[in-house]
Amino acid sequence: MIRIYHNPRCRKSRAGLEFVKLLNQPYEIIDYLKNPLSEEDLTELISFLGIKPHDLLRKQEAFYKDELKGKNISQKEMIEIMTANPTLIKRPIVVVNKKAVWADPPENILNII
């Protein structure tokens, strides 16, 4: 089963979802703004991606620019911040069998299928 962490208001996220639909495989949509991730869920997702929390951060967000830019923040603290402020998480993220990709561009999904 394909899981896509999705924000329906985001153009890139909608493009990722359309690509998932074209794969003709079962999928689950997780609107992580309506159903925020727990710290444990986000930590697991980051491990599936094989990255550090800072790599999943949307640096164009006003909250980042106003509150976080230039600060030395630990990985644990960054996960806490992103859990409390899910708009900071890059999207869409697609997960298949404990492997994940940031699906921008959507063709990145093919790397885990």
PDB file of N, CA and C in Angstrom:
ATOM      1  N   MET A   1       0.849  -1.187   0.000  1.00  0.00           N
ATOM      2  CA  MET A   1       0.000   0.000   0.000  1.00  0.00           C
ATOM      3  C   MET A   1       0.889   1.242   0.000  1.00  0.00           C
ATOM      4  N   ILE A   2       0.508   2.189  -0.809  1.00  0.00           N
ATOM      5  CA  ILE A   2       1.196   3.477  -0.891  1.00  0.00           C
ATOM      6  C   ILE A   2       0.521   4.435   0.084  1.00  0.00           C
ATOM      7  N   ARG A   3       1.327   5.136   0.870  1.00  0.00           N
ATOM      8  CA  ARG A   3       0.815   6.199   1.739  1.00  0.00           C
ATOM      9  C   ARG A   3       1.380   7.519   1.237  1.00  0.00           C
ATOM     10  N   ILE A   4       0.513   8.510   1.103  1.00  0.00           N
ATOM     11  CA  ILE A   4       0.969   9.837   0.709  1.00  0.00           C
ATOM     12  C   ILE A   4       0.559  10.836   1.788  1.00  0.00           C
ATOM     13  N   TYR A   5       1.556  11.520   2.323  1.00  0.00           N
ATOM     14  CA  TYR A   5       1.323  12.593   3.285  1.00  0.00           C
ATOM     15  C   TYR A   5       1.096  13.842   2.452  1.00  0.00           C
ATOM     16  N   HIS A   6      -0.104  14.382   2.546  1.00  0.00           N
ATOM     17  CA  HIS A   6      -0.628  15.299   1.545  1.00  0.00           C
ATOM     18  C   HIS A   6      -1.226  16.545   2.175  1.00  0.00           C
ATOM     19  N   ASN A   7      -1.035  17.664   1.479  1.00  0.00           N
ATOM     20  CA  ASN A   7      -1.705  18.923   1.807  1.00  0.00           C
ATOM     21  C   ASN A   7      -2.493  19.309   0.560  1.00  0.00           C
ATOM     22  N   PRO A   8      -3.814  19.201   0.585  1.00  0.00           N
ATOM     23  CA  PRO A   8      -4.615  19.455  -0.613  1.00  0.00           C
ATOM     24  C   PRO A   8      -4.521  20.883  -1.144  1.00  0.00           C
ATOM     25  N   ARG A   9      -4.030  21.822  -0.343  1.00  0.00           N
ATOM     26  CA  ARG A   9      -3.910  23.206  -0.817  1.00  0.00           C
ATOM     27  C   ARG A   9      -2.586  23.460  -1.534  1.00  0.00           C
ATOM     28  N   CYS A  10      -1.697  22.471  -1.533  1.00  0.00           N
ATOM     29  CA  CYS A  10      -0.365  22.637  -2.116  1.00  0.00           C
ATOM     30  C   CYS A  10      -0.328  22.064  -3.528  1.00  0.00           C
ATOM     31  N   ARG A  11       0.107  22.870  -4.481  1.00  0.00           N
ATOM     32  CA  ARG A  11       0.184  22.447  -5.880  1.00  0.00           C
ATOM     33  C   ARG A  11       1.093  21.238  -6.047  1.00  0.00           C
ATOM     34  N   LYS A  12       2.247  21.249  -5.410  1.00  0.00           N
ATOM     35  CA  LYS A  12       3.189  20.135  -5.526  1.00  0.00           C
ATOM     36  C   LYS A  12       2.620  18.863  -4.911  1.00  0.00           C
ATOM     37  N   SER A  13       1.899  19.012  -3.828  1.00  0.00           N
ATOM     38  CA  SER A  13       1.288  17.859  -3.178  1.00  0.00           C
ATOM     39  C   SER A  13       0.172  17.279  -4.056  1.00  0.00           C
ATOM     40  N   ARG A  14      -0.612  18.146  -4.668  1.00  0.00           N
ATOM     41  CA  ARG A  14      -1.665  17.665  -5.575  1.00  0.00           C
ATOM     42  C   ARG A  14      -1.064  16.932  -6.774  1.00  0.00           C
ATOM     43  N   ALA A  15       0.062  17.426  -7.281  1.00  0.00           N
ATOM     44  CA  ALA A  15       0.742  16.762  -8.399  1.00  0.00           C
ATOM     45  C   ALA A  15       1.237  15.380  -7.972  1.00  0.00           C
ATOM     46  N   GLY A  16       1.756  15.281  -6.756  1.00  0.00           N
ATOM     47  CA  GLY A  16       2.199  13.987  -6.240  1.00  0.00           C
ATOM     48  C   GLY A  16       1.052  13.010  -6.113  1.00  0.00           C
ATOM     49  N   LEU A  17      -0.088  13.484  -5.637  1.00  0.00           N
ATOM     50  CA  LEU A  17      -1.263  12.620  -5.506  1.00  0.00           C
ATOM     51  C   LEU A  17      -1.745  12.150  -6.874  1.00  0.00           C
ATOM     52  N   GLU A  18      -1.766  13.026  -7.847  1.00  0.00           N
ATOM     53  CA  GLU A  18      -2.175  12.627  -9.199  1.00  0.00           C
ATOM     54  C   GLU A  18      -1.248  11.549  -9.753  1.00  0.00           C
ATOM     55  N   PHE A  19       0.048  11.672  -9.489  1.00  0.00           N
ATOM     56  CA  PHE A  19       1.011  10.666  -9.940  1.00  0.00           C
ATOM     57  C   PHE A  19       0.737   9.332  -9.253  1.00  0.00           C
ATOM     58  N   VAL A  20       0.461   9.359  -7.953  1.00  0.00           N
ATOM     59  CA  VAL A  20       0.131   8.134  -7.218  1.00  0.00           C
ATOM     60  C   VAL A  20      -1.093   7.468  -7.844  1.00  0.00           C
ATOM     61  N   LYS A  21      -2.097   8.241  -8.168  1.00  0.00           N
ATOM     62  CA  LYS A  21      -3.310   7.680  -8.775  1.00  0.00           C
ATOM     63  C   LYS A  21      -3.002   6.991 -10.096  1.00  0.00           C
ATOM     64  N   LEU A  22      -2.068   7.533 -10.865  1.00  0.00           N
ATOM     65  CA  LEU A  22      -1.698   6.937 -12.154  1.00  0.00           C
ATOM     66  C   LEU A  22      -1.021   5.577 -12.009  1.00  0.00           C
ATOM     67  N   LEU A  23      -0.497   5.285 -10.837  1.00  0.00           N
ATOM     68  CA  LEU A  23       0.203   4.019 -10.614  1.00  0.00           C
ATOM     69  C   LEU A  23      -0.745   2.826 -10.506  1.00  0.00           C
ATOM     70  N   ASN A  24      -2.032   3.090 -10.366  1.00  0.00           N
ATOM     71  CA  ASN A  24      -3.054   2.038 -10.273  1.00  0.00           C
ATOM     72  C   ASN A  24      -2.734   1.016  -9.181  1.00  0.00           C
ATOM     73  N   GLN A  25      -2.317   1.523  -8.031  1.00  0.00           N
ATOM     74  CA  GLN A  25      -2.062   0.683  -6.864  1.00  0.00           C
ATOM     75  C   GLN A  25      -2.867   1.245  -5.698  1.00  0.00           C
ATOM     76  N   PRO A  26      -3.168   0.408  -4.719  1.00  0.00           N
ATOM     77  CA  PRO A  26      -3.903   0.919  -3.557  1.00  0.00           C
ATOM     78  C   PRO A  26      -3.084   2.000  -2.849  1.00  0.00           C
ATOM     79  N   TYR A  27      -3.779   3.033  -2.399  1.00  0.00           N
ATOM     80  CA  TYR A  27      -3.091   4.120  -1.706  1.00  0.00           C
ATOM     81  C   TYR A  27      -3.965   4.668  -0.599  1.00  0.00           C
ATOM     82  N   GLU A  28      -3.292   5.308   0.332  1.00  0.00           N
ATOM     83  CA  GLU A  28      -3.943   5.961   1.453  1.00  0.00           C
ATOM     84  C   GLU A  28      -3.450   7.396   1.501  1.00  0.00           C
ATOM     85  N   ILE A  29      -4.364   8.329   1.645  1.00  0.00           N
ATOM     86  CA  ILE A  29      -4.022   9.746   1.751  1.00  0.00           C
ATOM     87  C   ILE A  29      -4.047  10.142   3.219  1.00  0.00           C
ATOM     88  N   ILE A  30      -2.964  10.757   3.665  1.00  0.00           N
ATOM     89  CA  ILE A  30      -2.902  11.263   5.036  1.00  0.00           C
ATOM     90  C   ILE A  30      -2.762  12.777   4.958  1.00  0.00           C
ATOM     91  N   ASP A  31      -3.833  13.465   5.315  1.00  0.00           N
ATOM     92  CA  ASP A  31      -3.816  14.931   5.373  1.00  0.00           C
ATOM     93  C   ASP A  31      -3.202  15.300   6.720  1.00  0.00           C
ATOM     94  N   TYR A  32      -1.895  15.512   6.708  1.00  0.00           N
ATOM     95  CA  TYR A  32      -1.173  15.688   7.967  1.00  0.00           C
ATOM     96  C   TYR A  32      -1.424  17.047   8.617  1.00  0.00           C
ATOM     97  N   LEU A  33      -2.131  17.937   7.948  1.00  0.00           N
ATOM     98  CA  LEU A  33      -2.520  19.191   8.610  1.00  0.00           C
ATOM     99  C   LEU A  33      -3.781  18.971   9.452  1.00  0.00           C
ATOM    100  N   LYS A  34      -4.702  18.149   8.948  1.00  0.00           N
ATOM    101  CA  LYS A  34      -5.910  17.829   9.714  1.00  0.00           C
ATOM    102  C   LYS A  34      -5.650  16.767  10.765  1.00  0.00           C
ATOM    103  N   ASN A  35      -4.728  15.866  10.467  1.00  0.00           N
ATOM    104  CA  ASN A  35      -4.370  14.770  11.369  1.00  0.00           C
ATOM    105  C   ASN A  35      -2.866  14.825  11.623  1.00  0.00           C
ATOM    106  N   PRO A  36      -2.439  15.739  12.493  1.00  0.00           N
ATOM    107  CA  PRO A  36      -0.997  15.944  12.705  1.00  0.00           C
ATOM    108  C   PRO A  36      -0.274  14.674  13.142  1.00  0.00           C
ATOM    109  N   LEU A  37       0.964  14.573  12.715  1.00  0.00           N
ATOM    110  CA  LEU A  37       1.811  13.449  13.075  1.00  0.00           C
ATOM    111  C   LEU A  37       2.273  13.586  14.516  1.00  0.00           C
ATOM    112  N   SER A  38       2.422  12.467  15.190  1.00  0.00           N
ATOM    113  CA  SER A  38       3.041  12.474  16.520  1.00  0.00           C
ATOM    114  C   SER A  38       4.548  12.577  16.326  1.00  0.00           C
ATOM    115  N   GLU A  39       5.260  12.860  17.394  1.00  0.00           N
ATOM    116  CA  GLU A  39       6.721  12.904  17.304  1.00  0.00           C
ATOM    117  C   GLU A  39       7.264  11.545  16.871  1.00  0.00           C
ATOM    118  N   GLU A  40       6.654  10.473  17.363  1.00  0.00           N
ATOM    119  CA  GLU A  40       7.092   9.128  16.987  1.00  0.00           C
ATOM    120  C   GLU A  40       6.863   8.873  15.505  1.00  0.00           C
ATOM    121  N   ASP A  41       5.691   9.261  15.003  1.00  0.00           N
ATOM    122  CA  ASP A  41       5.382   9.076  13.581  1.00  0.00           C
ATOM    123  C   ASP A  41       6.335   9.874  12.702  1.00  0.00           C
ATOM    124  N   LEU A  42       6.600  11.117  13.084  1.00  0.00           N
ATOM    125  CA  LEU A  42       7.497  11.954  12.294  1.00  0.00           C
ATOM    126  C   LEU A  42       8.922  11.406  12.330  1.00  0.00           C
ATOM    127  N   THR A  43       9.346  10.931  13.483  1.00  0.00           N
ATOM    128  CA  THR A  43      10.683  10.334  13.603  1.00  0.00           C
ATOM    129  C   THR A  43      10.804   9.112  12.692  1.00  0.00           C
ATOM    130  N   GLU A  44       9.777   8.286  12.677  1.00  0.00           N
ATOM    131  CA  GLU A  44       9.780   7.103  11.810  1.00  0.00           C
ATOM    132  C   GLU A  44       9.806   7.508  10.341  1.00  0.00           C
ATOM    133  N   LEU A  45       9.011   8.476   9.982  1.00  0.00           N
ATOM    134  CA  LEU A  45       8.969   8.954   8.603  1.00  0.00           C
ATOM    135  C   LEU A  45      10.335   9.488   8.167  1.00  0.00           C
ATOM    136  N   ILE A  46      10.983  10.230   9.027  1.00  0.00           N
ATOM    137  CA  ILE A  46      12.315  10.761   8.728  1.00  0.00           C
ATOM    138  C   ILE A  46      13.311   9.614   8.547  1.00  0.00           C
ATOM    139  N   SER A  47      13.188   8.559   9.353  1.00  0.00           N
ATOM    140  CA  SER A  47      14.092   7.418   9.200  1.00  0.00           C
ATOM    141  C   SER A  47      13.827   6.700   7.873  1.00  0.00           C
ATOM    142  N   PHE A  48      12.568   6.592   7.458  1.00  0.00           N
ATOM    143  CA  PHE A  48      12.245   5.989   6.160  1.00  0.00           C
ATOM    144  C   PHE A  48      12.856   6.807   5.017  1.00  0.00           C
ATOM    145  N   LEU A  49      12.881   8.124   5.186  1.00  0.00           N
ATOM    146  CA  LEU A  49      13.458   9.008   4.169  1.00  0.00           C
ATOM    147  C   LEU A  49      14.987   8.936   4.156  1.00  0.00           C
ATOM    148  N   GLY A  50      15.567   8.554   5.295  1.00  0.00           N
ATOM    149  CA  GLY A  50      17.025   8.487   5.396  1.00  0.00           C
ATOM    150  C   GLY A  50      17.685   9.856   5.433  1.00  0.00           C
ATOM    151  N   ILE A  51      17.014  10.807   6.082  1.00  0.00           N
ATOM    152  CA  ILE A  51      17.514  12.181   6.154  1.00  0.00           C
ATOM    153  C   ILE A  51      17.517  12.653   7.598  1.00  0.00           C
ATOM    154  N   LYS A  52      17.984  13.859   7.811  1.00  0.00           N
ATOM    155  CA  LYS A  52      17.912  14.506   9.124  1.00  0.00           C
ATOM    156  C   LYS A  52      16.653  15.392   9.156  1.00  0.00           C
ATOM    157  N   PRO A  53      16.111  15.651  10.334  1.00  0.00           N
ATOM    158  CA  PRO A  53      14.907  16.477  10.424  1.00  0.00           C
ATOM    159  C   PRO A  53      15.041  17.821   9.699  1.00  0.00           C
ATOM    160  N   HIS A  54      16.192  18.448   9.785  1.00  0.00           N
ATOM    161  CA  HIS A  54      16.382  19.752   9.146  1.00  0.00           C
ATOM    162  C   HIS A  54      16.203  19.665   7.625  1.00  0.00           C
ATOM    163  N   ASP A  55      16.459  18.491   7.036  1.00  0.00           N
ATOM    164  CA  ASP A  55      16.328  18.323   5.588  1.00  0.00           C
ATOM    165  C   ASP A  55      14.871  18.295   5.140  1.00  0.00           C
ATOM    166  N   LEU A  56      13.959  18.085   6.065  1.00  0.00           N
ATOM    167  CA  LEU A  56      12.534  18.013   5.748  1.00  0.00           C
ATOM    168  C   LEU A  56      11.820  19.340   6.002  1.00  0.00           C
ATOM    169  N   LEU A  57      12.578  20.334   6.351  1.00  0.00           N
ATOM    170  CA  LEU A  57      12.045  21.630   6.760  1.00  0.00           C
ATOM    171  C   LEU A  57      11.782  22.546   5.560  1.00  0.00           C
ATOM    172  N   ARG A  58      10.590  23.117   5.521  1.00  0.00           N
ATOM    173  CA  ARG A  58      10.239  24.114   4.497  1.00  0.00           C
ATOM    174  C   ARG A  58      10.753  25.472   4.962  1.00  0.00           C
ATOM    175  N   LYS A  59      11.841  25.896   4.364  1.00  0.00           N
ATOM    176  CA  LYS A  59      12.504  27.122   4.805  1.00  0.00           C
ATOM    177  C   LYS A  59      11.853  28.392   4.268  1.00  0.00           C
ATOM    178  N   GLN A  60      10.892  28.270   3.369  1.00  0.00           N
ATOM    179  CA  GLN A  60      10.209  29.452   2.851  1.00  0.00           C
ATOM    180  C   GLN A  60       9.024  29.879   3.728  1.00  0.00           C
ATOM    181  N   GLU A  61       8.695  29.062   4.731  1.00  0.00           N
ATOM    182  CA  GLU A  61       7.584  29.395   5.625  1.00  0.00           C
ATOM    183  C   GLU A  61       7.943  30.578   6.527  1.00  0.00           C
ATOM    184  N   ALA A  62       6.974  31.440   6.769  1.00  0.00           N
ATOM    185  CA  ALA A  62       7.188  32.615   7.616  1.00  0.00           C
ATOM    186  C   ALA A  62       7.637  32.212   9.022  1.00  0.00           C
ATOM    187  N   PHE A  63       7.066  31.143   9.556  1.00  0.00           N
ATOM    188  CA  PHE A  63       7.450  30.696  10.894  1.00  0.00           C
ATOM    189  C   PHE A  63       8.933  30.361  10.942  1.00  0.00           C
ATOM    190  N   TYR A  64       9.422  29.692   9.908  1.00  0.00           N
ATOM    191  CA  TYR A  64      10.852  29.379   9.862  1.00  0.00           C
ATOM    192  C   TYR A  64      11.671  30.669   9.853  1.00  0.00           C
ATOM    193  N   LYS A  65      11.325  31.569   8.958  1.00  0.00           N
ATOM    194  CA  LYS A  65      12.089  32.812   8.806  1.00  0.00           C
ATOM    195  C   LYS A  65      12.075  33.653  10.083  1.00  0.00           C
ATOM    196  N   ASP A  66      10.915  33.704  10.745  1.00  0.00           N
ATOM    197  CA  ASP A  66      10.764  34.554  11.926  1.00  0.00           C
ATOM    198  C   ASP A  66      11.292  33.915  13.212  1.00  0.00           C
ATOM    199  N   GLU A  67      11.174  32.595  13.328  1.00  0.00           N
ATOM    200  CA  GLU A  67      11.453  31.938  14.609  1.00  0.00           C
ATOM    201  C   GLU A  67      12.661  31.004  14.624  1.00  0.00           C
ATOM    202  N   LEU A  68      13.039  30.468  13.469  1.00  0.00           N
ATOM    203  CA  LEU A  68      14.043  29.398  13.482  1.00  0.00           C
ATOM    204  C   LEU A  68      15.337  29.712  12.742  1.00  0.00           C
ATOM    205  N   LYS A  69      15.254  30.536  11.729  1.00  0.00           N
ATOM    206  CA  LYS A  69      16.414  30.799  10.877  1.00  0.00           C
ATOM    207  C   LYS A  69      17.609  31.283  11.696  1.00  0.00           C
ATOM    208  N   GLY A  70      18.735  30.629  11.471  1.00  0.00           N
ATOM    209  CA  GLY A  70      19.971  31.021  12.134  1.00  0.00           C
ATOM    210  C   GLY A  70      20.152  30.467  13.533  1.00  0.00           C
ATOM    211  N   LYS A  71      19.172  29.749  14.045  1.00  0.00           N
ATOM    212  CA  LYS A  71      19.276  29.193  15.397  1.00  0.00           C
ATOM    213  C   LYS A  71      19.836  27.773  15.333  1.00  0.00           C
ATOM    214  N   ASN A  72      20.562  27.400  16.365  1.00  0.00           N
ATOM    215  CA  ASN A  72      21.103  26.054  16.479  1.00  0.00           C
ATOM    216  C   ASN A  72      20.066  25.196  17.210  1.00  0.00           C
ATOM    217  N   ILE A  73      19.380  24.338  16.449  1.00  0.00           N
ATOM    218  CA  ILE A  73      18.279  23.548  16.997  1.00  0.00           C
ATOM    219  C   ILE A  73      18.636  22.073  16.856  1.00  0.00           C
ATOM    220  N   SER A  74      18.509  21.325  17.932  1.00  0.00           N
ATOM    221  CA  SER A  74      18.829  19.896  17.898  1.00  0.00           C
ATOM    222  C   SER A  74      17.809  19.148  17.038  1.00  0.00           C
ATOM    223  N   GLN A  75      18.164  17.937  16.649  1.00  0.00           N
ATOM    224  CA  GLN A  75      17.249  17.122  15.846  1.00  0.00           C
ATOM    225  C   GLN A  75      15.963  16.837  16.618  1.00  0.00           C
ATOM    226  N   LYS A  76      16.080  16.508  17.894  1.00  0.00           N
ATOM    227  CA  LYS A  76      14.900  16.233  18.715  1.00  0.00           C
ATOM    228  C   LYS A  76      14.009  17.474  18.805  1.00  0.00           C
ATOM    229  N   GLU A  77      14.613  18.626  19.038  1.00  0.00           N
ATOM    230  CA  GLU A  77      13.834  19.867  19.110  1.00  0.00           C
ATOM    231  C   GLU A  77      13.164  20.171  17.769  1.00  0.00           C
ATOM    232  N   MET A  78      13.864  19.897  16.649  1.00  0.00           N
ATOM    233  CA  MET A  78      13.285  20.169  15.344  1.00  0.00           C
ATOM    234  C   MET A  78      12.067  19.290  15.097  1.00  0.00           C
ATOM    235  N   ILE A  79      12.135  18.048  15.525  1.00  0.00           N
ATOM    236  CA  ILE A  79      10.974  17.157  15.390  1.00  0.00           C
ATOM    237  C   ILE A  79       9.810  17.689  16.221  1.00  0.00           C
ATOM    238  N   GLU A  80      10.085  18.153  17.436  1.00  0.00           N
ATOM    239  CA  GLU A  80       9.040  18.732  18.281  1.00  0.00           C
ATOM    240  C   GLU A  80       8.421  19.956  17.611  1.00  0.00           C
ATOM    241  N   ILE A  81       9.254  20.794  17.022  1.00  0.00           N
ATOM    242  CA  ILE A  81       8.774  22.015  16.360  1.00  0.00           C
ATOM    243  C   ILE A  81       7.928  21.664  15.137  1.00  0.00           C
ATOM    244  N   MET A  82       8.389  20.717  14.320  1.00  0.00           N
ATOM    245  CA  MET A  82       7.642  20.343  13.118  1.00  0.00           C
ATOM    246  C   MET A  82       6.340  19.635  13.474  1.00  0.00           C
ATOM    247  N   THR A  83       6.326  18.882  14.563  1.00  0.00           N
ATOM    248  CA  THR A  83       5.091  18.236  15.007  1.00  0.00           C
ATOM    249  C   THR A  83       4.070  19.292  15.423  1.00  0.00           C
ATOM    250  N   ALA A  84       4.525  20.317  16.102  1.00  0.00           N
ATOM    251  CA  ALA A  84       3.635  21.393  16.548  1.00  0.00           C
ATOM    252  C   ALA A  84       3.245  22.341  15.411  1.00  0.00           C
ATOM    253  N   ASN A  85       4.053  22.378  14.348  1.00  0.00           N
ATOM    254  CA  ASN A  85       3.839  23.288  13.216  1.00  0.00           C
ATOM    255  C   ASN A  85       3.963  22.501  11.910  1.00  0.00           C
ATOM    256  N   PRO A  86       2.977  21.663  11.578  1.00  0.00           N
ATOM    257  CA  PRO A  86       3.125  20.757  10.440  1.00  0.00           C
ATOM    258  C   PRO A  86       3.286  21.440   9.080  1.00  0.00           C
ATOM    259  N   THR A  87       2.967  22.719   8.974  1.00  0.00           N
ATOM    260  CA  THR A  87       3.193  23.399   7.692  1.00  0.00           C
ATOM    261  C   THR A  87       4.680  23.508   7.373  1.00  0.00           C
ATOM    262  N   LEU A  88       5.537  23.265   8.366  1.00  0.00           N
ATOM    263  CA  LEU A  88       6.984  23.303   8.145  1.00  0.00           C
ATOM    264  C   LEU A  88       7.507  22.052   7.440  1.00  0.00           C
ATOM    265  N   ILE A  89       6.678  21.006   7.330  1.00  0.00           N
ATOM    266  CA  ILE A  89       7.110  19.733   6.752  1.00  0.00           C
ATOM    267  C   ILE A  89       6.946  19.772   5.233  1.00  0.00           C
ATOM    268  N   LYS A  90       8.023  19.425   4.518  1.00  0.00           N
ATOM    269  CA  LYS A  90       7.945  19.357   3.059  1.00  0.00           C
ATOM    270  C   LYS A  90       6.893  18.340   2.648  1.00  0.00           C
ATOM    271  N   ARG A  91       6.293  18.579   1.498  1.00  0.00           N
ATOM    272  CA  ARG A  91       5.267  17.679   0.981  1.00  0.00           C
ATOM    273  C   ARG A  91       5.295  17.658  -0.522  1.00  0.00           C
ATOM    274  N   PRO A  92       4.740  16.623  -1.075  1.00  0.00           N
ATOM    275  CA  PRO A  92       4.201  15.420  -0.465  1.00  0.00           C
ATOM    276  C   PRO A  92       5.312  14.436  -0.134  1.00  0.00           C
ATOM    277  N   ILE A  93       5.046  13.602   0.831  1.00  0.00           N
ATOM    278  CA  ILE A  93       5.950  12.501   1.158  1.00  0.00           C
ATOM    279  C   ILE A  93       5.184  11.220   0.862  1.00  0.00           C
ATOM    280  N   VAL A  94       5.850  10.316   0.144  1.00  0.00           N
ATOM    281  CA  VAL A  94       5.222   9.051  -0.222  1.00  0.00           C
ATOM    282  C   VAL A  94       6.019   7.923   0.422  1.00  0.00           C
ATOM    283  N   VAL A  95       5.286   6.980   1.025  1.00  0.00           N
ATOM    284  CA  VAL A  95       5.892   5.851   1.722  1.00  0.00           C
ATOM    285  C   VAL A  95       5.381   4.553   1.116  1.00  0.00           C
ATOM    286  N   VAL A  96       6.329   3.638   0.854  1.00  0.00           N
ATOM    287  CA  VAL A  96       6.010   2.288   0.401  1.00  0.00           C
ATOM    288  C   VAL A  96       6.968   1.335   1.117  1.00  0.00           C
ATOM    289  N   ASN A  97       6.426   0.399   1.878  1.00  0.00           N
ATOM    290  CA  ASN A  97       7.246  -0.633   2.532  1.00  0.00           C
ATOM    291  C   ASN A  97       8.448  -0.070   3.293  1.00  0.00           C
ATOM    292  N   LYS A  98       8.211   0.881   4.158  1.00  0.00           N
ATOM    293  CA  LYS A  98       9.251   1.479   5.009  1.00  0.00           C
ATOM    294  C   LYS A  98      10.336   2.206   4.225  1.00  0.00           C
ATOM    295  N   LYS A  99      10.026   2.580   2.998  1.00  0.00           N
ATOM    296  CA  LYS A  99      10.884   3.460   2.215  1.00  0.00           C
ATOM    297  C   LYS A  99      10.049   4.682   1.885  1.00  0.00           C
ATOM    298  N   ALA A 100      10.699   5.837   1.853  1.00  0.00           N
ATOM    299  CA  ALA A 100       9.957   7.064   1.596  1.00  0.00           C
ATOM    300  C   ALA A 100      10.762   8.000   0.713  1.00  0.00           C
ATOM    301  N   VAL A 101      10.029   8.868   0.009  1.00  0.00           N
ATOM    302  CA  VAL A 101      10.645   9.929  -0.792  1.00  0.00           C
ATOM    303  C   VAL A 101       9.818  11.191  -0.644  1.00  0.00           C
ATOM    304  N   TRP A 102      10.513  12.295  -0.793  1.00  0.00           N
ATOM    305  CA  TRP A 102       9.836  13.574  -0.967  1.00  0.00           C
ATOM    306  C   TRP A 102       9.506  13.605  -2.453  1.00  0.00           C
ATOM    307  N   ALA A 103       8.250  13.654  -2.780  1.00  0.00           N
ATOM    308  CA  ALA A 103       7.784  13.479  -4.154  1.00  0.00           C
ATOM    309  C   ALA A 103       7.712  14.798  -4.916  1.00  0.00           C
ATOM    310  N   ASP A 104       8.790  15.525  -4.909  1.00  0.00           N
ATOM    311  CA  ASP A 104       8.916  16.743  -5.711  1.00  0.00           C
ATOM    312  C   ASP A 104      10.248  16.670  -6.445  1.00  0.00           C
ATOM    313  N   PRO A 105      10.211  16.271  -7.709  1.00  0.00           N
ATOM    314  CA  PRO A 105       9.069  16.039  -8.575  1.00  0.00           C
ATOM    315  C   PRO A 105       8.390  14.697  -8.276  1.00  0.00           C
ATOM    316  N   PRO A 106       7.144  14.540  -8.738  1.00  0.00           N
ATOM    317  CA  PRO A 106       6.390  13.325  -8.462  1.00  0.00           C
ATOM    318  C   PRO A 106       7.082  12.052  -8.945  1.00  0.00           C
ATOM    319  N   GLU A 107       7.882  12.147  -9.973  1.00  0.00           N
ATOM    320  CA  GLU A 107       8.565  10.963 -10.500  1.00  0.00           C
ATOM    321  C   GLU A 107       9.514  10.337  -9.482  1.00  0.00           C
ATOM    322  N   ASN A 108       9.872  11.062  -8.435  1.00  0.00           N
ATOM    323  CA  ASN A 108      10.692  10.494  -7.364  1.00  0.00           C
ATOM    324  C   ASN A 108      10.047   9.258  -6.758  1.00  0.00           C
ATOM    325  N   ILE A 109       8.723   9.170  -6.855  1.00  0.00           N
ATOM    326  CA  ILE A 109       7.994   8.032  -6.290  1.00  0.00           C
ATOM    327  C   ILE A 109       8.484   6.726  -6.916  1.00  0.00           C
ATOM    328  N   LEU A 110       8.870   6.764  -8.162  1.00  0.00           N
ATOM    329  CA  LEU A 110       9.329   5.554  -8.851  1.00  0.00           C
ATOM    330  C   LEU A 110      10.564   4.961  -8.188  1.00  0.00           C
ATOM    331  N   ASN A 111      11.300   5.742  -7.423  1.00  0.00           N
ATOM    332  CA  ASN A 111      12.493   5.248  -6.736  1.00  0.00           C
ATOM    333  C   ASN A 111      12.183   4.271  -5.611  1.00  0.00           C
ATOM    334  N   ILE A 112      10.935   4.223  -5.159  1.00  0.00           N
ATOM    335  CA  ILE A 112      10.597   3.315  -4.062  1.00  0.00           C
ATOM    336  C   ILE A 112       9.529   2.291  -4.442  1.00  0.00           C
ATOM    337  N   ILE A 113       9.064   2.335  -5.650  1.00  0.00           N
ATOM    338  CA  ILE A 113       8.023   1.388  -6.108  1.00  0.00           C
ATOM    339  C   ILE A 113       8.688   0.111  -6.586  1.00  0.00           C
TER     340      ILE A 113
END
